[in-house]
Amino acid sequence: MDSNQIINHNKSSKDEKLKFVMAAIKDNDLERLRSNRAGEWLKDDYFEMKGLLNWAVNVGPSDDTRMLSFLLQHLKPNSRSGLTGPTALQTACMYGKEEMVKVLLAHSQIDPNVADNNGVTPLHCACFYGSVGCVKMLLRHPKVNTFLKNKHGKVPKRVAAAQGHQEIFELIDEKENLPELEARRKACTKLVQQRGVENCNRSELALLLQNEGIANSTIISLEDNNIRGDLLFSLNSDIMKHDLNIQLMERLKLKRALDCWKQRVMVKRNFQHNSNDQVVAYFGQFEFISLAFLQNIRKLQIDGWMLEELEDTDLRELGIKSFLDRRKLLTLIGNSDMEVQPVEKSELITTVASPTEEYYILRQSEMTEELERLQEKMKEVPEPFLCPITHEIMSDPVVASDGHTYEKDAIKEWFGRGNATSPLTGKKLDDLKLIPSHTMKMLIQDFMEKNK
């Protein structure tokens, strides 16, 4: 008979009904099944063993789960294709059909650990084919077992590793280690409360840092330099970067951990409660903030808490080249080393940058007064310390062939625009070589140290 015809419930054989259902599933024609009251005879055990759920997952569109949902009302979710074949959940994980995995896992009778005759579970399938989304959904199911082995003796995590799916390996590893992680968190909390971080030895400190998500490379660097708990709080960004070779994001994470341990309440600025989007939007309204800085804090996802830990060295790395601009920014975030007085919450005002974002800022009069004080202090800088191009104090002075000293980035930018002349005299230069001025750099550093 034609599989598209109306079924005669009394005269049509089971094989004819099966052919009719499979055709409707292939065409994703749910109305055809409903109009023929297919649900009344799908509950027959005969249809349970025919793998109709598998067929629906195989041929159905990834983003349309209506047919699968209909079949699940009448068929058992853990039924396999034949006696030893895969379940619908295995097939969905094999093809990475996340929406179908979601529907199957939502069924109250689903068993996410049913394996085929090779011992392959749905999690094995998702790990083998690299379906990250399917793995995440399976791991969220309370009954999933990550330690089941296939006939080759491999657990899902090992299958993922063999296929080179590192992200999946780490997801499963994290779930398997949750009890251990929880125990470690409790041990760390007890350690900090009873002894204090400053009294921890190197192994105890390593445990605390691991618990805070600090990278092993950072922990090893601290251990190699014999940094114990009592020394940790004395580290600043300059030491972390140049002496310990700790990268920017790791420095910020380490400072955040130190803040948590000290249980410090920061009331002078409220940036720590702001998201990365709010931080970018807030500082984007200031003209002296460079686009490079905004792009960098966006790229690194620096939020308000991390922002409050930034120091001069960090700001330079983030793209704020000007000494004065770095001081302005440090003043704004309340982390300046120029004796800025703490501001109470009552002295803060709220400004709304958008209908959903709130920012706490200093009163305009106080900010203006502070910047004027900084600019007045800059007037005292000896003229030879200022770059002739930027008119700002130099951090990396170099000598050009005209005999004058410039900030390295500024003179390189001058050359980059196609100039082969002296910025001061306008005469053509003999060459474009730049020689570092170590003496000038040392004099500037001495001046800066005395005028902090």
Foldseek 3Di string as FASTA:
>chain_A
DDLQDADDVPPDDPVSLVSVLLVCLLVVPPVSCVVNVVLVPCLPVVNLQQQPLLSNLVRPDLVDCPVNLVSVVRYPQQRANHDFHHGSLLSCLLVLSLVNNVSSLPDPRDQQLDHGPQQQGSLLNNLQNVNQSSLVVLLPRPRDDQCGAGNVRDGSLVNNVVNPNVVSNVVVVCSVCVVVLVVLVVVLVVCCVPPNQLPFALVNVLSLCVNLVQDPLQSVLCVVVRPGSVNLVVDAPVCCCPVSVDDLVNRLSSVLSVCVSVVDDAFLFDQQVFWLVLVLLVVVVDPLDDPQLSVQCVVVRQGSSSLLRDDPVSVVVSPNVFPLSRQLSCVWSVNHPPPDDRDGNVQWDWDDSDPPDIGTTGDPVVSVVVSVVSVVVQVPDDQLQAAPQPRGGEQWWWAFQVRHIHRPVRLVVVVVVVDQADPPPRHGGPDGDIGTDPVSNVVSVVVVVVVD
